[in-house]
N, C-alpha and C. Protein backbone atom coordinates (compact mmCIF):
# COMPACT_ATOMS: atom_id res chain seq x y z
N MET A 1 34.94 4.59 -25.19
CA MET A 1 34.05 4.32 -25.06
C MET A 1 34.09 3.13 -23.33
N PRO A 2 34.99 2.44 -23.80
CA PRO A 2 34.88 1.44 -22.25
C PRO A 2 35.35 2.02 -21.44
N GLY A 3 35.55 3.84 -21.24
CA GLY A 3 34.95 4.15 -19.60
C GLY A 3 33.99 4.53 -19.40
N LYS A 4 32.54 4.69 -20.52
CA LYS A 4 31.83 5.54 -20.27
C LYS A 4 31.26 4.15 -20.29
N VAL A 5 31.13 3.21 -20.74
CA VAL A 5 30.57 1.26 -20.38
C VAL A 5 31.08 0.86 -18.80
N ASN A 6 32.04 1.25 -18.10
CA ASN A 6 32.93 1.42 -16.64
C ASN A 6 32.19 1.64 -16.00
N LYS A 7 31.97 2.71 -16.83
CA LYS A 7 31.50 4.39 -15.46
C LYS A 7 29.77 3.51 -15.29
N ASP A 8 29.25 3.33 -16.42
CA ASP A 8 27.92 3.48 -16.07
C ASP A 8 27.05 1.92 -15.68
N PHE A 9 27.74 1.52 -15.85
CA PHE A 9 28.23 -0.09 -14.89
C PHE A 9 28.03 0.24 -13.68
N ALA A 10 29.65 0.67 -13.25
CA ALA A 10 28.85 0.70 -11.82
C ALA A 10 28.14 1.77 -10.67
N LYS A 11 27.59 2.59 -12.01
CA LYS A 11 26.62 3.34 -11.24
C LYS A 11 25.63 2.40 -10.75
N LEU A 12 25.09 1.32 -11.61
CA LEU A 12 24.21 0.29 -11.86
C LEU A 12 24.42 -0.25 -10.65
N LYS A 13 25.76 -1.21 -10.65
CA LYS A 13 25.85 -1.36 -9.87
C LYS A 13 25.56 -1.03 -8.32
N LYS A 14 25.64 0.28 -8.16
CA LYS A 14 25.84 0.81 -6.94
C LYS A 14 24.22 0.91 -6.71
N GLU A 15 23.55 1.53 -7.28
CA GLU A 15 22.25 1.04 -7.66
C GLU A 15 21.53 -0.02 -7.36
N LEU A 16 21.91 -1.24 -7.93
CA LEU A 16 21.30 -2.44 -7.44
C LEU A 16 21.24 -2.39 -5.58
N ALA A 17 22.38 -2.54 -5.27
CA ALA A 17 23.36 -2.20 -3.97
C ALA A 17 22.00 -1.80 -3.58
N GLU A 18 21.81 -0.71 -3.37
CA GLU A 18 21.27 0.36 -2.71
C GLU A 18 19.86 -0.62 -2.71
N LEU A 19 19.05 -1.05 -4.23
CA LEU A 19 18.32 -1.48 -4.14
C LEU A 19 18.08 -2.50 -2.98
N GLU A 20 18.63 -3.58 -3.43
CA GLU A 20 18.79 -4.76 -2.28
C GLU A 20 18.67 -4.08 -0.68
N LYS A 21 19.13 -2.81 -0.02
CA LYS A 21 19.19 -2.50 0.82
C LYS A 21 17.54 -2.26 1.64
N LEU A 22 16.87 -1.75 0.35
CA LEU A 22 15.99 -0.95 0.98
C LEU A 22 14.43 -1.69 0.56
N GLN A 23 13.70 -1.41 1.29
CA GLN A 23 11.91 -1.53 0.62
C GLN A 23 11.30 -0.96 0.57
N VAL A 24 10.06 -0.96 0.22
CA VAL A 24 8.67 -0.10 0.66
C VAL A 24 7.44 -0.80 0.93
N ARG A 25 7.19 0.31 2.17
CA ARG A 25 6.07 -0.46 2.55
C ARG A 25 4.97 0.51 2.04
N VAL A 26 3.75 -0.07 1.44
CA VAL A 26 2.66 0.39 1.21
C VAL A 26 1.47 -0.38 2.25
N GLY A 27 1.03 1.02 2.85
CA GLY A 27 -0.25 0.59 4.10
C GLY A 27 -0.74 2.12 4.95
N PHE A 28 -0.56 2.07 6.27
CA PHE A 28 -0.71 2.68 7.06
C PHE A 28 -0.09 3.48 8.40
N GLN A 29 -0.16 4.87 8.38
CA GLN A 29 0.96 5.24 9.54
C GLN A 29 0.43 5.32 11.13
N ARG A 30 1.14 4.52 12.29
CA ARG A 30 0.75 4.51 13.36
C ARG A 30 0.72 6.61 13.53
N GLY A 31 -0.77 7.05 14.45
CA GLY A 31 -0.54 7.93 14.72
C GLY A 31 -1.86 8.69 13.91
N ASP A 32 -1.65 8.65 12.45
CA ASP A 32 -3.01 9.19 12.47
C ASP A 32 -4.32 8.34 12.70
N THR A 33 -5.39 9.91 13.08
CA THR A 33 -6.52 9.12 14.03
C THR A 33 -7.44 9.82 12.85
N ASN A 34 -8.97 9.27 12.73
CA ASN A 34 -9.81 9.47 12.84
C ASN A 34 -10.77 11.03 13.93
N ASP A 35 -11.56 10.90 13.34
CA ASP A 35 -12.21 12.38 14.16
C ASP A 35 -12.75 11.63 15.75
N GLU A 36 -12.56 10.78 15.61
CA GLU A 36 -13.26 10.22 16.93
C GLU A 36 -11.63 9.85 17.98
N GLY A 37 -10.34 9.88 17.73
CA GLY A 37 -9.62 9.58 18.00
C GLY A 37 -8.71 8.02 18.11
N VAL A 38 -9.35 7.16 16.74
CA VAL A 38 -8.85 6.05 16.33
C VAL A 38 -7.84 6.22 15.35
N ASP A 39 -6.77 5.33 15.76
CA ASP A 39 -6.11 5.16 15.24
C ASP A 39 -6.63 4.65 13.42
N LEU A 40 -5.95 5.17 12.78
CA LEU A 40 -6.31 4.42 11.50
C LEU A 40 -5.82 2.97 11.05
N VAL A 41 -4.76 2.75 11.79
CA VAL A 41 -3.97 1.92 11.11
C VAL A 41 -4.69 0.36 11.84
N ASP A 42 -5.68 0.69 13.54
CA ASP A 42 -6.62 0.03 13.75
C ASP A 42 -7.66 -0.36 13.13
N ILE A 43 -8.15 1.11 12.19
CA ILE A 43 -9.63 0.18 11.42
C ILE A 43 -9.36 -0.55 10.12
N ALA A 44 -7.91 0.02 9.86
CA ALA A 44 -7.50 -0.88 8.87
C ALA A 44 -7.56 -1.68 8.75
N VAL A 45 -6.45 -2.54 9.81
CA VAL A 45 -6.55 -3.88 10.37
C VAL A 45 -8.19 -4.33 10.67
N TRP A 46 -9.23 -3.80 11.89
CA TRP A 46 -10.06 -4.06 11.56
C TRP A 46 -10.93 -4.72 10.66
N ASN A 47 -10.75 -3.75 9.82
CA ASN A 47 -11.73 -4.24 8.05
C ASN A 47 -10.76 -4.74 7.40
N GLU A 48 -9.45 -5.40 7.04
CA GLU A 48 -8.59 -5.95 6.77
C GLU A 48 -9.05 -7.57 7.01
N LEU A 49 -9.07 -7.47 8.44
CA LEU A 49 -9.09 -8.73 9.15
C LEU A 49 -10.33 -8.97 9.51
N GLY A 50 -10.81 -8.32 9.48
CA GLY A 50 -12.89 -8.70 10.37
C GLY A 50 -12.22 -8.73 12.17
N THR A 51 -13.72 -8.90 12.79
CA THR A 51 -13.35 -8.79 14.25
C THR A 51 -14.50 -9.61 14.81
N GLU A 52 -14.52 -10.61 15.87
CA GLU A 52 -15.49 -11.02 16.61
C GLU A 52 -15.69 -10.27 17.67
N ARG A 53 -17.15 -10.46 17.93
CA ARG A 53 -17.44 -9.92 19.81
C ARG A 53 -18.67 -10.88 19.72
N ASP A 54 -18.82 -11.65 21.17
CA ASP A 54 -19.07 -12.64 21.65
C ASP A 54 -19.11 -13.88 20.49
N GLY A 55 -17.88 -13.99 20.31
CA GLY A 55 -18.38 -15.28 19.04
C GLY A 55 -18.73 -15.12 17.85
N LYS A 56 -19.41 -13.52 17.51
CA LYS A 56 -20.03 -13.41 16.38
C LYS A 56 -19.01 -12.20 15.82
N VAL A 57 -19.89 -12.58 13.96
CA VAL A 57 -18.65 -11.25 13.40
C VAL A 57 -18.82 -9.95 13.91
N HIS A 58 -18.07 -9.38 14.41
CA HIS A 58 -18.73 -7.86 14.39
C HIS A 58 -18.47 -6.70 13.79
N ILE A 59 -17.52 -6.73 12.43
CA ILE A 59 -17.35 -6.49 11.39
C ILE A 59 -16.19 -7.64 10.62
N PRO A 60 -17.35 -7.66 9.34
CA PRO A 60 -16.63 -8.79 8.44
C PRO A 60 -15.72 -8.44 7.48
N SER A 61 -14.68 -9.27 7.48
CA SER A 61 -13.42 -8.92 6.62
C SER A 61 -13.44 -8.26 5.53
N ARG A 62 -12.72 -7.22 4.91
CA ARG A 62 -12.74 -6.55 4.23
C ARG A 62 -11.55 -6.21 3.29
N PRO A 63 -10.34 -7.42 2.78
CA PRO A 63 -9.30 -7.57 2.75
C PRO A 63 -8.93 -6.28 1.41
N PHE A 64 -8.72 -4.93 1.26
CA PHE A 64 -8.49 -4.49 0.52
C PHE A 64 -7.00 -4.34 -0.11
N LEU A 65 -6.27 -4.93 1.24
CA LEU A 65 -4.75 -4.47 0.86
C LEU A 65 -4.44 -5.89 0.53
N ARG A 66 -5.21 -6.31 0.98
CA ARG A 66 -4.37 -8.40 0.13
C ARG A 66 -5.08 -8.36 -1.46
N GLN A 67 -6.09 -7.95 -1.43
CA GLN A 67 -7.27 -7.55 -3.14
C GLN A 67 -6.09 -6.93 -3.77
N SER A 68 -6.07 -5.58 -2.82
CA SER A 68 -5.18 -4.50 -4.36
C SER A 68 -3.62 -5.26 -4.97
N VAL A 69 -3.52 -6.31 -4.26
CA VAL A 69 -1.97 -7.04 -4.91
C VAL A 69 -2.40 -8.53 -5.04
N GLU A 70 -2.95 -9.09 -4.73
CA GLU A 70 -3.35 -10.42 -5.53
C GLU A 70 -4.38 -9.92 -7.15
N ASN A 71 -5.13 -8.98 -6.99
CA ASN A 71 -6.29 -8.96 -8.40
C ASN A 71 -5.28 -7.85 -8.83
N ASN A 72 -3.89 -7.91 -8.97
CA ASN A 72 -2.76 -6.60 -9.86
C ASN A 72 -1.53 -6.93 -10.11
N GLU A 73 -1.57 -8.01 -9.74
CA GLU A 73 0.02 -8.97 -9.81
C GLU A 73 0.60 -9.04 -10.75
N GLU A 74 0.22 -9.45 -12.10
CA GLU A 74 0.73 -9.24 -13.38
C GLU A 74 1.15 -7.32 -13.87
N LYS A 75 0.13 -6.44 -13.06
CA LYS A 75 -0.26 -4.83 -13.29
C LYS A 75 1.81 -4.67 -12.36
N ILE A 76 1.14 -4.99 -11.08
CA ILE A 76 2.47 -5.06 -10.56
C ILE A 76 4.02 -5.17 -10.92
N LYS A 77 4.01 -6.12 -10.90
CA LYS A 77 5.32 -7.03 -12.31
C LYS A 77 5.21 -6.22 -13.24
N ALA A 78 4.81 -5.92 -14.34
CA ALA A 78 4.92 -5.38 -15.40
C ALA A 78 5.34 -4.19 -14.90
N PHE A 79 4.55 -3.01 -13.94
CA PHE A 79 4.95 -1.65 -13.38
C PHE A 79 6.53 -1.80 -13.41
N ALA A 80 6.65 -2.58 -12.27
CA ALA A 80 8.43 -3.02 -11.39
C ALA A 80 9.11 -3.20 -12.47
N GLN A 81 9.43 -4.22 -13.33
CA GLN A 81 10.14 -4.18 -14.45
C GLN A 81 10.25 -2.69 -15.07
N LYS A 82 8.99 -2.23 -15.48
CA LYS A 82 9.21 -1.11 -16.41
C LYS A 82 10.31 -0.25 -15.65
N GLN A 83 10.15 -0.14 -14.38
CA GLN A 83 10.97 1.06 -13.91
C GLN A 83 12.32 0.27 -13.45
N LEU A 84 12.50 -0.96 -13.16
CA LEU A 84 14.09 -1.22 -13.08
C LEU A 84 14.88 -1.05 -14.81
N LYS A 85 14.16 -1.34 -15.19
CA LYS A 85 14.89 -0.47 -16.92
C LYS A 85 15.68 0.55 -16.87
N GLY A 86 15.25 1.51 -16.26
CA GLY A 86 15.89 2.74 -15.98
C GLY A 86 17.04 2.95 -14.72
N LEU A 87 16.88 1.35 -13.70
CA LEU A 87 17.77 1.72 -13.21
C LEU A 87 19.66 2.07 -13.18
N GLY A 88 20.30 3.31 -12.27
CA GLY A 88 21.60 3.40 -12.88
C GLY A 88 21.52 4.39 -14.29
N ASP A 89 20.93 4.56 -15.04
CA ASP A 89 20.77 5.42 -16.27
C ASP A 89 20.32 6.23 -15.54
N THR A 90 19.16 6.52 -15.62
CA THR A 90 18.92 7.58 -15.02
C THR A 90 17.98 7.92 -14.21
N THR A 91 18.07 6.44 -13.20
CA THR A 91 16.75 6.12 -12.52
C THR A 91 17.73 5.59 -10.75
N THR A 92 17.10 6.47 -10.38
CA THR A 92 18.32 5.63 -8.34
C THR A 92 17.33 4.36 -7.99
N ALA A 93 17.63 4.07 -7.28
CA ALA A 93 17.14 2.61 -6.52
C ALA A 93 15.27 3.61 -5.52
N LYS A 94 15.86 4.62 -5.41
CA LYS A 94 15.01 5.63 -4.41
C LYS A 94 13.81 5.65 -5.21
N GLN A 95 14.12 6.45 -6.62
CA GLN A 95 13.46 6.59 -7.37
C GLN A 95 12.23 5.78 -7.91
N VAL A 96 12.28 3.98 -7.94
CA VAL A 96 12.27 3.20 -8.69
C VAL A 96 11.32 3.01 -7.16
N LEU A 97 11.52 2.88 -5.85
CA LEU A 97 10.42 2.66 -4.99
C LEU A 97 9.27 3.25 -5.03
N GLN A 98 9.61 5.02 -4.70
CA GLN A 98 8.79 5.88 -4.95
C GLN A 98 7.95 5.54 -5.88
N ARG A 99 8.60 4.65 -7.19
CA ARG A 99 7.31 5.16 -7.80
C ARG A 99 6.24 4.29 -7.68
N LEU A 100 6.99 2.98 -7.56
CA LEU A 100 6.11 1.48 -7.06
C LEU A 100 5.62 1.80 -5.96
N GLY A 101 5.93 3.01 -5.11
CA GLY A 101 4.74 3.14 -3.54
C GLY A 101 3.55 3.55 -4.21
N ILE A 102 4.33 4.74 -5.03
CA ILE A 102 3.06 5.26 -5.62
C ILE A 102 2.12 4.83 -6.56
N PHE A 103 2.20 3.96 -7.22
CA PHE A 103 1.46 3.11 -7.93
C PHE A 103 0.49 2.13 -6.86
N GLN A 104 1.53 1.20 -5.93
CA GLN A 104 0.41 0.53 -5.16
C GLN A 104 -0.42 1.55 -4.18
N LYS A 105 -0.22 1.94 -4.17
CA LYS A 105 -0.79 3.01 -3.10
C LYS A 105 -2.10 3.38 -3.73
N GLY A 106 -2.19 3.22 -5.08
CA GLY A 106 -3.30 3.66 -5.86
C GLY A 106 -3.73 3.01 -6.07
N LEU A 107 -3.64 1.78 -6.14
CA LEU A 107 -4.43 0.58 -6.16
C LEU A 107 -4.96 0.19 -5.27
N VAL A 108 -4.48 -0.25 -3.90
CA VAL A 108 -4.72 0.02 -2.65
C VAL A 108 -6.22 0.89 -2.83
N GLN A 109 -5.95 2.34 -3.02
CA GLN A 109 -7.21 3.53 -3.05
C GLN A 109 -8.20 2.74 -3.99
N GLU A 110 -7.97 2.84 -4.66
CA GLU A 110 -8.93 2.01 -6.59
C GLU A 110 -9.28 0.93 -5.75
N THR A 111 -8.45 -0.19 -4.93
CA THR A 111 -9.33 -1.63 -4.08
C THR A 111 -10.52 -0.97 -3.43
N ILE A 112 -9.87 0.23 -2.72
CA ILE A 112 -11.07 0.89 -1.64
C ILE A 112 -12.51 0.77 -1.96
N ASN A 113 -12.36 1.72 -3.11
CA ASN A 113 -13.07 2.60 -3.52
C ASN A 113 -14.42 1.39 -4.53
N ASN A 114 -13.39 0.68 -5.61
CA ASN A 114 -14.09 -0.20 -6.04
C ASN A 114 -14.50 -2.14 -5.76
N GLY A 115 -13.93 -2.05 -4.62
CA GLY A 115 -13.96 -3.17 -4.27
C GLY A 115 -15.20 -3.87 -3.70
N ASP A 116 -14.94 -5.40 -4.12
CA ASP A 116 -16.72 -5.94 -3.80
C ASP A 116 -16.46 -6.68 -2.68
N PHE A 117 -17.26 -6.00 -1.50
CA PHE A 117 -16.72 -6.16 -0.55
C PHE A 117 -18.18 -6.12 0.60
N ILE A 118 -18.90 -6.63 1.75
CA ILE A 118 -19.80 -6.77 2.19
C ILE A 118 -20.13 -5.56 2.78
N LYS A 119 -21.13 -4.92 2.35
CA LYS A 119 -22.14 -4.46 2.43
C LYS A 119 -22.07 -4.11 3.88
N ASN A 120 -22.51 -2.77 4.53
CA ASN A 120 -22.59 -2.60 5.89
C ASN A 120 -24.15 -3.17 6.61
N ALA A 121 -23.72 -3.62 7.39
CA ALA A 121 -25.28 -3.92 7.74
C ALA A 121 -26.06 -2.51 8.41
N PRO A 122 -27.35 -3.18 8.34
CA PRO A 122 -28.07 -1.89 8.59
C PRO A 122 -28.04 -0.86 9.55
N ALA A 123 -27.82 -1.12 10.90
CA ALA A 123 -27.41 -0.50 11.80
C ALA A 123 -26.36 0.45 10.89
N THR A 124 -25.36 0.38 10.66
CA THR A 124 -24.02 0.68 10.62
C THR A 124 -24.80 1.60 8.89
N VAL A 125 -25.69 1.60 8.46
CA VAL A 125 -25.75 2.16 6.99
C VAL A 125 -26.84 3.56 7.83
N ALA A 126 -27.89 2.77 8.81
CA ALA A 126 -28.50 4.16 9.67
C ALA A 126 -27.50 4.81 9.63
N ARG A 127 -26.40 4.55 10.42
CA ARG A 127 -25.39 5.79 11.19
C ARG A 127 -24.63 6.07 10.51
N LYS A 128 -24.02 5.92 9.05
CA LYS A 128 -23.32 6.04 8.00
C LYS A 128 -23.89 6.89 6.59
N LYS A 129 -25.37 6.43 7.37
CA LYS A 129 -25.59 6.96 5.40
C LYS A 129 -25.21 6.26 4.66
N SER A 130 -24.58 5.03 4.28
CA SER A 130 -24.14 4.26 3.18
C SER A 130 -23.88 2.97 3.52
N ALA A 131 -24.39 2.50 2.54
CA ALA A 131 -23.98 0.98 2.50
C ALA A 131 -22.94 0.12 1.60
N GLN A 132 -22.21 1.22 1.45
CA GLN A 132 -20.49 1.25 0.44
C GLN A 132 -19.80 0.99 2.24
N PRO A 133 -19.13 -0.12 2.17
CA PRO A 133 -17.77 0.13 3.35
C PRO A 133 -16.67 0.53 3.01
N LEU A 134 -15.76 0.87 3.91
CA LEU A 134 -14.43 1.82 4.10
C LEU A 134 -14.48 2.97 3.12
N VAL A 135 -15.74 3.89 3.39
CA VAL A 135 -15.95 4.76 2.68
C VAL A 135 -16.31 6.53 3.39
N ASN A 136 -16.77 5.65 4.50
CA ASN A 136 -17.11 7.15 5.28
C ASN A 136 -17.01 8.19 5.52
N THR A 137 -16.15 8.43 5.78
CA THR A 137 -15.81 9.97 5.80
C THR A 137 -14.59 10.32 4.67
N GLY A 138 -13.92 9.17 4.26
CA GLY A 138 -12.89 9.85 3.24
C GLY A 138 -11.29 9.36 3.61
N GLN A 139 -11.38 9.48 5.15
CA GLN A 139 -10.16 8.96 5.95
C GLN A 139 -9.04 8.51 5.51
N LEU A 140 -10.03 7.31 5.76
CA LEU A 140 -8.82 5.55 5.61
C LEU A 140 -8.86 6.07 4.07
N ILE A 141 -9.08 6.29 3.29
CA ILE A 141 -8.32 6.21 1.56
C ILE A 141 -8.05 7.38 1.61
N GLN A 142 -7.66 8.29 1.89
CA GLN A 142 -6.59 9.31 2.37
C GLN A 142 -5.94 9.48 2.91
N SER A 143 -5.53 8.20 3.76
CA SER A 143 -4.15 7.97 4.76
C SER A 143 -3.73 6.78 4.36
N VAL A 144 -3.84 6.60 3.12
CA VAL A 144 -2.99 5.76 2.51
C VAL A 144 -1.38 5.87 2.26
N ASN A 145 -0.51 5.21 2.16
CA ASN A 145 0.80 6.16 2.26
C ASN A 145 1.37 4.91 1.65
N PHE A 146 2.64 5.25 1.87
CA PHE A 146 3.88 4.20 1.96
C PHE A 146 5.46 5.14 2.37
N VAL A 147 6.27 4.30 3.06
CA VAL A 147 7.59 4.19 2.98
C VAL A 147 8.67 3.72 2.50
N ILE A 148 9.66 4.35 2.15
CA ILE A 148 10.55 3.84 2.15
C ILE A 148 12.31 3.03 3.40
N GLU A 149 12.12 1.84 3.30
CA GLU A 149 12.84 1.41 4.60
C GLU A 149 14.25 0.80 4.39
N PRO A 150 15.04 1.06 5.81
CA PRO A 150 15.69 -0.43 5.00
C PRO A 150 15.10 -1.92 5.55
N GLN A 151 15.64 -2.41 4.53
CA GLN A 151 15.26 -3.86 5.04
C GLN A 151 15.36 -4.85 5.74
N GLY A 152 13.98 -5.33 5.93
CA GLY A 152 14.14 -5.83 7.23
C GLY A 152 13.59 -5.27 8.29
N ASP A 153 13.53 -3.95 8.42
CA ASP A 153 12.32 -3.73 9.08
C ASP A 153 11.93 -3.20 9.13
N ASP A 154 11.26 -4.42 10.27
CA ASP A 154 9.63 -4.13 10.73
C ASP A 154 9.41 -3.96 12.29
N SER A 155 9.66 -2.61 12.06
CA SER A 155 10.00 -2.19 13.66
C SER A 155 8.22 -1.56 13.85
N ASP A 156 7.41 -1.83 13.15
CA ASP A 156 6.05 -1.53 13.14
C ASP A 156 5.19 -2.44 14.11
C-alpha cells in the first residue's frame, strides 16, 4: 500500500506542477472574421467596451465577457473545485483546464443569448431586423472559444 500512496502522491504532485504552468483563456481568436471581413476579436471588444464617435456613444458597452464571469462566480468556483478533486487520480491538468474552458465558453454564450443589454438603436434594428444585440448572424456566439497555453502568455 505505501508504494501505491507514493505513486499516487507523485502523480498528483506532477499534475499540480503542470497546472501551475498553464492557463485557460476564454474569448476569441484573432483571424476569425465576419462576412464583411471584420475580425470578430474587434467586434467583441467594441461590444464589450463600447465605442464613441464624435464624442458620442456609437456602440454602447455590452459587457458579455465580464458578466459571464461576474454573474456566475460561484458556479465557476464550484465547477473548478469539482474538477480539481480528480486531479492526479483520473484527471490531468490539461483535462481540468479543458473542462473549465468548455464550461466558461458555455457561460459566455449563454450571456450573449440572455444578457440584459442595451437594445440595438432603431437604425440598427432596421438594418439587422432585430433589437437583440450581439446575435445578428450568430457568428460572434459561434466563435467563442478557449485556448490552453503557458501561464503568463499574453502574446495577443
